[in-house]
Amino acid sequence: MAISPLDSMPARQVVPSTQKSPAAVAQEFEGVFAGQITKILMETVEQDDSFSGGHGEEMFKGILAEQIGNQIAKGSGLGIAPAVEAQIIRLQGGAGNA
């Protein structure tokens, strides 16, 4: 059994950075929430065969809803991001920075 030079190297643990501001996390939450609402609304629309995108449309409908939600949050939003941000700050002990 041959030993590779990589076998003797210690494994390096990659830790993703979680340092986001409460405002950024709140906006991200609002985007996910708006995307879920959009997905539910899109599922209730009746389509006939002449305007249906078939299987391809079904595959990408969730991605479209997610992106619409992100754009809603980047714009004027739904108005829940400030309340979410306030709760994040409160749960962090009143610190403004994450």
C-alpha atoms as a PDB file:
ATOM      1  CA  MET A   1       0.000   0.000   0.000  1.00  0.00           C
ATOM      2  CA  ALA A   2       1.544   3.305  -1.123  1.00  0.00           C
ATOM      3  CA  ILE A   3       1.437   6.321   1.160  1.00  0.00           C
ATOM      4  CA  SER A   4       0.611   9.622  -0.455  1.00  0.00           C
ATOM      5  CA  PRO A   5       2.334  12.861   0.671  1.00  0.00           C
ATOM      6  CA  LEU A   6      -1.140  14.154   1.473  1.00  0.00           C
ATOM      7  CA  ASP A   7      -1.695  11.351   4.003  1.00  0.00           C
ATOM      8  CA  SER A   8       0.995  12.751   6.295  1.00  0.00           C
ATOM      9  CA  MET A   9      -0.415  16.291   6.270  1.00  0.00           C
ATOM     10  CA  PRO A  10      -2.770  17.267   9.097  1.00  0.00           C
ATOM     11  CA  ALA A  11      -6.344  17.896   8.009  1.00  0.00           C
ATOM     12  CA  ARG A  12      -7.184  21.573   7.911  1.00  0.00           C
ATOM     13  CA  GLN A  13     -10.616  22.450   9.141  1.00  0.00           C
ATOM     14  CA  VAL A  14     -12.383  25.092   7.091  1.00  0.00           C
ATOM     15  CA  VAL A  15     -14.730  27.202   9.175  1.00  0.00           C
ATOM     16  CA  PRO A  16     -17.057  29.507   7.242  1.00  0.00           C
ATOM     17  CA  SER A  17     -17.198  33.081   8.415  1.00  0.00           C
ATOM     18  CA  THR A  18     -20.408  33.817  10.268  1.00  0.00           C
ATOM     19  CA  GLN A  19     -19.653  37.468  10.972  1.00  0.00           C
ATOM     20  CA  LYS A  20     -22.666  39.186   9.440  1.00  0.00           C
ATOM     21  CA  SER A  21     -24.326  42.285  10.740  1.00  0.00           C
ATOM     22  CA  PRO A  22     -27.794  41.915  12.267  1.00  0.00           C
ATOM     23  CA  ALA A  23     -29.167  44.060   9.428  1.00  0.00           C
ATOM     24  CA  ALA A  24     -27.697  41.717   6.791  1.00  0.00           C
ATOM     25  CA  VAL A  25     -29.063  38.629   8.550  1.00  0.00           C
ATOM     26  CA  ALA A  26     -32.495  40.264   8.901  1.00  0.00           C
ATOM     27  CA  GLN A  27     -32.555  41.172   5.201  1.00  0.00           C
ATOM     28  CA  GLU A  28     -31.492  37.633   4.285  1.00  0.00           C
ATOM     29  CA  PHE A  29     -34.280  36.227   6.478  1.00  0.00           C
ATOM     30  CA  GLU A  30     -36.797  38.543   4.844  1.00  0.00           C
ATOM     31  CA  GLY A  31     -35.610  37.364   1.415  1.00  0.00           C
ATOM     32  CA  VAL A  32     -36.090  33.714   2.346  1.00  0.00           C
ATOM     33  CA  PHE A  33     -39.507  34.469   3.831  1.00  0.00           C
ATOM     34  CA  ALA A  34     -40.608  36.422   0.739  1.00  0.00           C
ATOM     35  CA  GLY A  35     -39.297  33.610  -1.469  1.00  0.00           C
ATOM     36  CA  GLN A  36     -41.362  31.037   0.407  1.00  0.00           C
ATOM     37  CA  ILE A  37     -44.479  33.178   0.083  1.00  0.00           C
ATOM     38  CA  THR A  38     -43.782  33.630  -3.635  1.00  0.00           C
ATOM     39  CA  LYS A  39     -43.320  29.879  -4.100  1.00  0.00           C
ATOM     40  CA  ILE A  40     -46.663  29.160  -2.412  1.00  0.00           C
ATOM     41  CA  LEU A  41     -48.397  31.785  -4.543  1.00  0.00           C
ATOM     42  CA  MET A  42     -46.848  30.403  -7.741  1.00  0.00           C
ATOM     43  CA  GLU A  43     -48.074  26.904  -6.882  1.00  0.00           C
ATOM     44  CA  THR A  44     -51.678  28.116  -6.687  1.00  0.00           C
ATOM     45  CA  VAL A  45     -51.729  29.484 -10.246  1.00  0.00           C
ATOM     46  CA  GLU A  46     -53.568  27.220 -12.663  1.00  0.00           C
ATOM     47  CA  GLN A  47     -51.845  26.699 -16.013  1.00  0.00           C
ATOM     48  CA  ASP A  48     -53.093  25.114 -19.175  1.00  0.00           C
ATOM     49  CA  ASP A  49     -50.894  23.083 -21.508  1.00  0.00           C
ATOM     50  CA  SER A  50     -50.493  25.860 -24.080  1.00  0.00           C
ATOM     51  CA  PHE A  51     -48.585  28.122 -21.665  1.00  0.00           C
ATOM     52  CA  SER A  52     -46.898  25.534 -19.472  1.00  0.00           C
ATOM     53  CA  GLY A  53     -43.140  25.142 -19.499  1.00  0.00           C
ATOM     54  CA  GLY A  54     -43.442  21.464 -18.674  1.00  0.00           C
ATOM     55  CA  HIS A  55     -40.895  19.620 -16.558  1.00  0.00           C
ATOM     56  CA  GLY A  56     -38.231  22.319 -17.002  1.00  0.00           C
ATOM     57  CA  GLU A  57     -40.512  24.947 -15.563  1.00  0.00           C
ATOM     58  CA  GLU A  58     -41.285  22.760 -12.574  1.00  0.00           C
ATOM     59  CA  MET A  59     -37.569  22.246 -11.939  1.00  0.00           C
ATOM     60  CA  PHE A  60     -36.738  25.951 -11.888  1.00  0.00           C
ATOM     61  CA  LYS A  61     -39.898  27.377 -10.321  1.00  0.00           C
ATOM     62  CA  GLY A  62     -38.370  27.162  -6.832  1.00  0.00           C
ATOM     63  CA  ILE A  63     -35.221  28.992  -7.940  1.00  0.00           C
ATOM     64  CA  LEU A  64     -37.316  31.712  -9.557  1.00  0.00           C
ATOM     65  CA  ALA A  65     -39.348  32.136  -6.360  1.00  0.00           C
ATOM     66  CA  GLU A  66     -36.136  32.359  -4.314  1.00  0.00           C
ATOM     67  CA  GLN A  67     -34.692  35.052  -6.571  1.00  0.00           C
ATOM     68  CA  ILE A  68     -37.935  37.028  -6.557  1.00  0.00           C
ATOM     69  CA  GLY A  69     -37.861  36.895  -2.745  1.00  0.00           C
ATOM     70  CA  ASN A  70     -34.273  38.172  -2.680  1.00  0.00           C
ATOM     71  CA  GLN A  71     -35.182  41.075  -4.957  1.00  0.00           C
ATOM     72  CA  ILE A  72     -38.178  41.946  -2.782  1.00  0.00           C
ATOM     73  CA  ALA A  73     -35.920  42.059   0.281  1.00  0.00           C
ATOM     74  CA  LYS A  74     -33.305  44.190  -1.528  1.00  0.00           C
ATOM     75  CA  GLY A  75     -36.009  46.666  -2.518  1.00  0.00           C
ATOM     76  CA  SER A  76     -38.502  48.076  -0.072  1.00  0.00           C
ATOM     77  CA  GLY A  77     -39.094  44.606   1.393  1.00  0.00           C
ATOM     78  CA  LEU A  78     -42.092  43.401   3.333  1.00  0.00           C
ATOM     79  CA  GLY A  79     -41.287  45.455   6.411  1.00  0.00           C
ATOM     80  CA  ILE A  80     -40.280  42.607   8.716  1.00  0.00           C
ATOM     81  CA  ALA A  81     -36.493  43.058   8.512  1.00  0.00           C
ATOM     82  CA  PRO A  82     -36.360  45.900  11.109  1.00  0.00           C
ATOM     83  CA  ALA A  83     -38.299  43.787  13.647  1.00  0.00           C
ATOM     84  CA  VAL A  84     -36.075  40.757  12.990  1.00  0.00           C
ATOM     85  CA  GLU A  85     -32.950  42.916  13.312  1.00  0.00           C
ATOM     86  CA  ALA A  86     -34.175  44.321  16.638  1.00  0.00           C
ATOM     87  CA  GLN A  87     -34.751  40.802  17.973  1.00  0.00           C
ATOM     88  CA  ILE A  88     -31.305  39.653  16.836  1.00  0.00           C
ATOM     89  CA  ILE A  89     -29.702  42.599  18.625  1.00  0.00           C
ATOM     90  CA  ARG A  90     -31.800  41.935  21.738  1.00  0.00           C
ATOM     91  CA  LEU A  91     -30.803  38.240  21.754  1.00  0.00           C
ATOM     92  CA  GLN A  92     -27.140  39.207  21.408  1.00  0.00           C
ATOM     93  CA  GLY A  93     -27.375  41.224  24.576  1.00  0.00           C
ATOM     94  CA  GLY A  94     -27.886  44.622  22.990  1.00  0.00           C
ATOM     95  CA  ALA A  95     -24.630  44.628  21.015  1.00  0.00           C
ATOM     96  CA  GLY A  96     -24.987  46.290  17.614  1.00  0.00           C
ATOM     97  CA  ASN A  97     -22.266  44.175  15.999  1.00  0.00           C
ATOM     98  CA  ALA A  98     -22.534  40.450  15.282  1.00  0.00           C
END
